[in-house]
Amino acid sequence: MIVPLSSLQTGQRVLDPYLEDTGSSSIYATIRADQTLGAVVRGTQVAGWRDYGSLVINGVEYLGARVDVEVMH
């Protein structure tokens, strides 16, 4: 997951809700609500997140984190 990094504070304000355990933007909550991904897989869960920080892609700086997702098929 990456978001534009206009400032660290703004980037954190945009990115952090995706990494929260609950909420309308939460990756965890979204996957928990449909662990079969629309009956495509047997189960899915978020194992955690890591590598929170800035990264540069094509000369543009972003704030991001790797989200580890386990899929059982």
N, C-alpha and C. Protein backbone atom coordinates (compact mmCIF):
# COMPACT_ATOMS: atom_id res chain seq x y z
N MET A 1 0.85 -1.14 0.00
CA MET A 1 0.00 0.00 0.00
C MET A 1 0.90 1.22 0.00
N ILE A 2 0.69 2.15 -0.92
CA ILE A 2 1.44 3.39 -0.96
C ILE A 2 0.50 4.58 -1.13
N VAL A 3 0.92 5.71 -0.60
CA VAL A 3 0.17 6.96 -0.75
C VAL A 3 1.17 8.06 -1.09
N PRO A 4 0.73 9.12 -1.76
CA PRO A 4 1.64 10.24 -2.07
C PRO A 4 2.20 10.84 -0.78
N LEU A 5 3.44 11.30 -0.85
CA LEU A 5 4.09 11.86 0.33
C LEU A 5 4.34 13.35 0.12
N SER A 6 3.29 14.15 0.30
CA SER A 6 3.46 15.59 0.20
C SER A 6 4.14 16.10 1.47
N SER A 7 3.83 15.51 2.60
CA SER A 7 4.52 15.74 3.87
C SER A 7 4.35 14.47 4.69
N LEU A 8 5.26 14.23 5.62
CA LEU A 8 5.19 13.02 6.43
C LEU A 8 3.88 12.96 7.20
N GLN A 9 3.48 14.07 7.78
CA GLN A 9 2.26 14.10 8.58
C GLN A 9 1.02 13.79 7.72
N THR A 10 0.96 14.39 6.54
CA THR A 10 -0.17 14.13 5.64
C THR A 10 -0.14 12.68 5.16
N GLY A 11 1.03 12.18 4.80
CA GLY A 11 1.15 10.80 4.35
C GLY A 11 0.70 9.82 5.41
N GLN A 12 1.10 10.05 6.65
CA GLN A 12 0.69 9.17 7.75
C GLN A 12 -0.82 9.24 7.97
N ARG A 13 -1.38 10.43 7.86
CA ARG A 13 -2.82 10.60 8.06
C ARG A 13 -3.61 9.83 6.98
N VAL A 14 -3.06 9.73 5.77
CA VAL A 14 -3.72 9.01 4.69
C VAL A 14 -3.47 7.50 4.79
N LEU A 15 -2.23 7.09 5.08
CA LEU A 15 -1.86 5.67 5.08
C LEU A 15 -2.37 4.92 6.32
N ASP A 16 -2.25 5.50 7.48
CA ASP A 16 -2.54 4.79 8.72
C ASP A 16 -3.92 4.15 8.79
N PRO A 17 -4.99 4.79 8.31
CA PRO A 17 -6.30 4.12 8.38
C PRO A 17 -6.34 2.78 7.63
N TYR A 18 -5.56 2.61 6.60
CA TYR A 18 -5.51 1.34 5.88
C TYR A 18 -4.89 0.24 6.74
N LEU A 19 -4.01 0.62 7.66
CA LEU A 19 -3.30 -0.35 8.48
C LEU A 19 -3.96 -0.59 9.84
N GLU A 20 -5.02 0.14 10.14
CA GLU A 20 -5.75 -0.04 11.40
C GLU A 20 -6.50 -1.38 11.38
N ASP A 21 -6.85 -1.86 12.55
CA ASP A 21 -7.56 -3.13 12.68
C ASP A 21 -9.04 -3.00 12.29
N THR A 22 -9.59 -1.82 12.44
CA THR A 22 -11.00 -1.58 12.12
C THR A 22 -11.14 -0.26 11.37
N GLY A 23 -12.32 -0.04 10.83
CA GLY A 23 -12.61 1.22 10.15
C GLY A 23 -12.95 1.00 8.68
N SER A 24 -13.52 2.03 8.07
CA SER A 24 -13.99 1.89 6.70
C SER A 24 -12.86 1.76 5.68
N SER A 25 -11.63 2.18 6.01
CA SER A 25 -10.50 2.04 5.09
C SER A 25 -9.60 0.86 5.43
N SER A 26 -9.88 0.18 6.53
CA SER A 26 -9.03 -0.89 7.04
C SER A 26 -8.93 -2.09 6.10
N ILE A 27 -7.72 -2.43 5.72
CA ILE A 27 -7.49 -3.65 4.92
C ILE A 27 -7.89 -4.87 5.74
N TYR A 28 -7.54 -4.89 7.03
CA TYR A 28 -7.91 -6.00 7.91
C TYR A 28 -9.41 -6.22 7.92
N ALA A 29 -10.17 -5.14 8.16
CA ALA A 29 -11.63 -5.25 8.26
C ALA A 29 -12.25 -5.68 6.94
N THR A 30 -11.73 -5.18 5.83
CA THR A 30 -12.25 -5.53 4.51
C THR A 30 -12.07 -7.02 4.24
N ILE A 31 -10.91 -7.54 4.53
CA ILE A 31 -10.66 -8.97 4.30
C ILE A 31 -11.44 -9.82 5.28
N ARG A 32 -11.53 -9.38 6.53
CA ARG A 32 -12.31 -10.13 7.52
C ARG A 32 -13.78 -10.23 7.11
N ALA A 33 -14.30 -9.21 6.44
CA ALA A 33 -15.70 -9.18 6.02
C ALA A 33 -15.99 -10.18 4.90
N ASP A 34 -14.99 -10.53 4.11
CA ASP A 34 -15.18 -11.51 3.02
C ASP A 34 -13.89 -12.29 2.85
N GLN A 35 -13.66 -13.23 3.75
CA GLN A 35 -12.41 -14.00 3.75
C GLN A 35 -12.26 -14.92 2.55
N THR A 36 -13.35 -15.16 1.81
CA THR A 36 -13.26 -16.01 0.62
C THR A 36 -13.08 -15.19 -0.65
N LEU A 37 -13.00 -13.88 -0.51
CA LEU A 37 -12.84 -12.97 -1.66
C LEU A 37 -13.88 -13.25 -2.74
N GLY A 38 -15.14 -13.31 -2.30
CA GLY A 38 -16.22 -13.55 -3.24
C GLY A 38 -16.29 -15.00 -3.69
N ALA A 39 -15.93 -15.92 -2.81
CA ALA A 39 -15.95 -17.37 -3.08
C ALA A 39 -14.89 -17.80 -4.09
N VAL A 40 -13.84 -17.00 -4.23
CA VAL A 40 -12.76 -17.35 -5.16
C VAL A 40 -11.70 -18.21 -4.48
N VAL A 41 -11.52 -18.03 -3.17
CA VAL A 41 -10.54 -18.81 -2.41
C VAL A 41 -11.22 -19.36 -1.17
N ARG A 42 -10.53 -20.29 -0.50
CA ARG A 42 -11.08 -20.91 0.70
C ARG A 42 -11.01 -19.99 1.91
N GLY A 43 -9.98 -19.17 1.97
CA GLY A 43 -9.83 -18.26 3.10
C GLY A 43 -8.67 -17.31 2.90
N THR A 44 -8.75 -16.18 3.58
CA THR A 44 -7.72 -15.15 3.48
C THR A 44 -7.60 -14.48 4.84
N GLN A 45 -6.38 -14.11 5.19
CA GLN A 45 -6.18 -13.32 6.40
C GLN A 45 -4.97 -12.43 6.25
N VAL A 46 -5.00 -11.29 6.94
CA VAL A 46 -3.86 -10.39 6.96
C VAL A 46 -2.95 -10.86 8.09
N ALA A 47 -1.70 -11.18 7.75
CA ALA A 47 -0.74 -11.67 8.73
C ALA A 47 -0.02 -10.53 9.44
N GLY A 48 -0.09 -9.34 8.90
CA GLY A 48 0.57 -8.19 9.51
C GLY A 48 1.06 -7.23 8.44
N TRP A 49 1.79 -6.22 8.89
CA TRP A 49 2.39 -5.28 7.95
C TRP A 49 3.80 -4.95 8.42
N ARG A 50 4.63 -4.47 7.47
CA ARG A 50 6.03 -4.19 7.78
C ARG A 50 6.58 -3.17 6.79
N ASP A 51 7.79 -2.77 6.97
CA ASP A 51 8.51 -1.86 6.08
C ASP A 51 7.78 -0.53 5.88
N TYR A 52 7.22 0.01 6.97
CA TYR A 52 6.53 1.31 6.93
C TYR A 52 7.59 2.38 6.71
N GLY A 53 7.43 3.17 5.67
CA GLY A 53 8.38 4.25 5.43
C GLY A 53 8.27 4.81 4.03
N SER A 54 9.20 5.70 3.72
CA SER A 54 9.16 6.34 2.40
C SER A 54 9.87 5.48 1.37
N LEU A 55 9.44 5.61 0.13
CA LEU A 55 10.07 4.94 -0.99
C LEU A 55 9.90 5.81 -2.23
N VAL A 56 10.82 5.65 -3.18
CA VAL A 56 10.79 6.45 -4.40
C VAL A 56 10.47 5.53 -5.57
N ILE A 57 9.47 5.90 -6.35
CA ILE A 57 9.08 5.15 -7.55
C ILE A 57 9.07 6.14 -8.70
N ASN A 58 9.89 5.88 -9.71
CA ASN A 58 10.00 6.78 -10.87
C ASN A 58 10.24 8.23 -10.47
N GLY A 59 11.08 8.42 -9.47
CA GLY A 59 11.45 9.76 -9.04
C GLY A 59 10.44 10.46 -8.16
N VAL A 60 9.35 9.78 -7.79
CA VAL A 60 8.31 10.37 -6.94
C VAL A 60 8.37 9.68 -5.58
N GLU A 61 8.35 10.47 -4.50
CA GLU A 61 8.42 9.91 -3.16
C GLU A 61 7.02 9.59 -2.63
N TYR A 62 6.90 8.40 -2.06
CA TYR A 62 5.65 7.92 -1.48
C TYR A 62 5.90 7.44 -0.06
N LEU A 63 4.84 7.29 0.71
CA LEU A 63 4.88 6.64 2.00
C LEU A 63 4.14 5.32 1.84
N GLY A 64 4.70 4.25 2.33
CA GLY A 64 4.05 2.96 2.12
C GLY A 64 4.37 1.96 3.19
N ALA A 65 3.74 0.82 3.09
CA ALA A 65 3.97 -0.31 3.98
C ALA A 65 3.63 -1.59 3.21
N ARG A 66 4.34 -2.64 3.48
CA ARG A 66 4.02 -3.95 2.90
C ARG A 66 2.99 -4.62 3.81
N VAL A 67 1.90 -5.07 3.20
CA VAL A 67 0.86 -5.77 3.95
C VAL A 67 0.96 -7.24 3.56
N ASP A 68 1.21 -8.09 4.57
CA ASP A 68 1.34 -9.53 4.33
C ASP A 68 -0.03 -10.19 4.41
N VAL A 69 -0.47 -10.79 3.31
CA VAL A 69 -1.78 -11.44 3.25
C VAL A 69 -1.57 -12.91 2.93
N GLU A 70 -2.21 -13.78 3.70
CA GLU A 70 -2.14 -15.23 3.47
C GLU A 70 -3.44 -15.67 2.79
N VAL A 71 -3.32 -16.40 1.69
CA VAL A 71 -4.48 -16.86 0.94
C VAL A 71 -4.46 -18.38 0.92
N MET A 72 -5.57 -19.01 1.32
CA MET A 72 -5.72 -20.46 1.27
C MET A 72 -6.63 -20.81 0.10
N HIS A 73 -6.11 -21.59 -0.83
CA HIS A 73 -6.93 -21.94 -1.98
C HIS A 73 -7.24 -23.40 -2.05
